[in-house]
């Protein structure tokens, strides 16, 4: 229906229960349904251990998704420097990192880009840019 990219959110219950095969099948099924459009896999990094984040990176890389994203922006936290660096270190260059959630300044965005994020998700930056262009 015209979508150019698709986002999916990983089921945290499945992660906590270590249902890795089920998660891999879900990613693969959704990627197939994307019909060649980029798939972004969202993991709520604030709710996961480093081991869980690394395992999800491995699954996402195996399925050759376009992005792994740090947050939906609706949980208890968003992107952190540590998480962006961890994702970048554990994903091949072919899988991009989207830092999202709680990014409110241009300086924060620049830091995430320097740590390896390929894209920034931030409604706060949009408002900041609009205010600067109107001021």
Protein backbone atom coordinates (compact mmCIF):
# COMPACT_ATOMS: atom_id res chain seq x y z
CA UNK A 1 0.00 0.00 0.00
CA UNK A 2 2.89 2.37 -0.61
CA UNK A 3 5.16 1.83 2.40
CA UNK A 4 8.81 2.28 1.49
CA UNK A 5 10.22 0.83 4.75
CA UNK A 6 8.80 -1.49 7.39
CA UNK A 7 9.46 -1.41 11.15
CA UNK A 8 8.94 -4.40 13.41
CA UNK A 9 9.32 -4.56 17.18
CA UNK A 10 10.93 -7.62 18.71
CA UNK A 11 8.72 -9.44 21.22
CA UNK A 12 10.51 -8.92 24.55
CA UNK A 13 8.72 -11.87 26.16
CA UNK A 14 10.25 -14.14 23.54
CA UNK A 15 13.67 -12.61 24.20
CA UNK A 16 13.41 -13.11 27.95
CA UNK A 17 12.29 -16.70 27.35
CA UNK A 18 15.22 -17.15 24.94
CA UNK A 19 13.00 -18.29 22.10
CA UNK A 20 15.71 -17.48 19.58
CA UNK A 21 14.45 -19.83 16.86
CA UNK A 22 10.96 -18.34 17.09
CA UNK A 23 12.37 -14.81 16.92
CA UNK A 24 14.46 -15.74 13.89
CA UNK A 25 11.39 -17.20 12.15
CA UNK A 26 9.37 -14.08 12.93
CA UNK A 27 12.07 -11.80 11.51
CA UNK A 28 12.38 -13.97 8.41
CA UNK A 29 8.62 -14.05 7.88
CA UNK A 30 8.22 -10.31 8.22
CA UNK A 31 11.21 -9.70 5.95
CA UNK A 32 9.62 -11.93 3.31
CA UNK A 33 6.36 -9.98 3.62
CA UNK A 34 8.29 -6.74 2.98
CA UNK A 35 8.68 -7.76 -0.67
CA UNK A 36 12.18 -6.32 -0.92
CA UNK A 37 11.53 -3.15 1.07
CA UNK A 38 13.95 -2.37 3.90
CA UNK A 39 13.08 -3.92 7.26
CA UNK A 40 14.04 -2.17 10.49
CA UNK A 41 14.12 -4.43 13.54
CA UNK A 42 13.42 -2.45 16.72
CA UNK A 43 14.80 -3.76 19.98
CA UNK A 44 14.01 -2.01 23.25
CA UNK A 45 17.63 -1.80 24.33
CA UNK A 46 16.68 -0.30 27.72
CA UNK A 47 14.92 -3.55 28.65
CA UNK A 48 17.59 -6.00 27.51
CA UNK A 49 20.92 -7.33 28.72
CA UNK A 50 24.01 -6.92 26.56
CA UNK A 51 23.90 -10.66 25.82
CA UNK A 52 20.31 -10.36 24.58
CA UNK A 53 21.20 -7.34 22.42
CA UNK A 54 24.15 -9.18 20.90
CA UNK A 55 22.03 -12.26 20.18
CA UNK A 56 19.39 -10.10 18.48
CA UNK A 57 22.12 -8.47 16.40
CA UNK A 58 23.24 -11.94 15.29
CA UNK A 59 19.69 -12.92 14.33
CA UNK A 60 19.08 -9.65 12.47
CA UNK A 61 22.39 -9.99 10.61
CA UNK A 62 21.59 -13.58 9.62
CA UNK A 63 18.29 -12.43 8.15
CA UNK A 64 20.05 -9.52 6.37
CA UNK A 65 17.70 -6.83 7.66
CA UNK A 66 18.37 -3.21 6.71
CA UNK A 67 18.52 -1.73 10.23
CA UNK A 68 18.54 -2.50 13.91
CA UNK A 69 16.92 0.32 15.85
CA UNK A 70 17.50 1.08 19.54
CA UNK A 71 13.99 1.96 20.68
CA UNK A 72 10.38 2.59 19.81
CA UNK A 73 10.52 5.73 21.94
CA UNK A 74 7.66 4.44 24.10
CA UNK A 75 9.51 2.41 26.74
CA UNK A 76 11.53 3.39 29.80
CA UNK A 77 14.52 4.68 27.84
CA UNK A 78 15.88 5.40 24.41
CA UNK A 79 19.24 5.37 22.70
CA UNK A 80 22.42 5.41 24.76
CA UNK A 81 26.01 5.81 23.68
CA UNK A 82 26.80 2.35 25.02
CA UNK A 83 23.98 0.68 23.14
CA UNK A 84 24.74 2.35 19.82
CA UNK A 85 28.39 1.30 20.13
CA UNK A 86 27.40 -2.25 21.14
CA UNK A 87 25.03 -2.64 18.18
CA UNK A 88 27.59 -1.27 15.72
CA UNK A 89 30.28 -3.61 17.07
CA UNK A 90 27.99 -6.63 16.69
CA UNK A 91 26.47 -5.99 13.28
CA UNK A 92 28.08 -6.29 9.87
CA UNK A 93 28.44 -3.08 7.87
CA UNK A 94 25.54 -4.23 5.69
CA UNK A 95 23.14 -3.84 8.62
CA UNK A 96 22.72 -0.22 9.64
CA UNK A 97 22.07 1.16 13.11
CA UNK A 98 19.27 3.61 13.83
CA UNK A 99 19.64 5.47 17.12
CA UNK A 100 16.20 6.41 18.33
CA UNK A 101 14.51 7.56 21.49
CA UNK A 102 15.35 10.52 23.69
CA UNK A 103 17.70 12.30 21.29
CA UNK A 104 17.01 15.99 21.84
CA UNK A 105 20.08 17.94 20.74
CA UNK A 106 22.21 18.19 17.63
CA UNK A 107 25.25 17.36 19.79
CA UNK A 108 23.67 14.09 20.93
CA UNK A 109 22.80 13.20 17.35
CA UNK A 110 26.37 13.92 16.23
CA UNK A 111 27.74 11.72 19.03
CA UNK A 112 25.54 8.81 17.92
CA UNK A 113 26.66 9.24 14.33
CA UNK A 114 30.29 9.21 15.47
CA UNK A 115 29.62 5.99 17.41
CA UNK A 116 28.36 4.29 14.27
CA UNK A 117 24.68 5.13 13.91
CA UNK A 118 23.65 5.49 10.29
CA UNK A 119 20.33 7.19 10.99
CA UNK A 120 18.83 9.20 13.83
CA UNK A 121 15.21 9.02 14.92
CA UNK A 122 14.18 12.09 16.88
CA UNK A 123 10.99 14.11 16.92
CA UNK A 124 12.83 16.50 19.27
CA UNK A 125 15.35 17.38 16.58
CA UNK A 126 12.59 18.16 14.12
CA UNK A 127 11.06 20.63 16.59
CA UNK A 128 14.51 22.12 17.29
CA UNK A 129 15.24 22.58 13.59
CA UNK A 130 11.83 24.16 13.01
CA UNK A 131 12.33 26.55 15.93
CA UNK A 132 15.78 27.56 14.64
CA UNK A 133 14.47 28.15 11.11
CA UNK A 134 11.62 30.29 12.45
CA UNK A 135 13.76 32.20 14.95
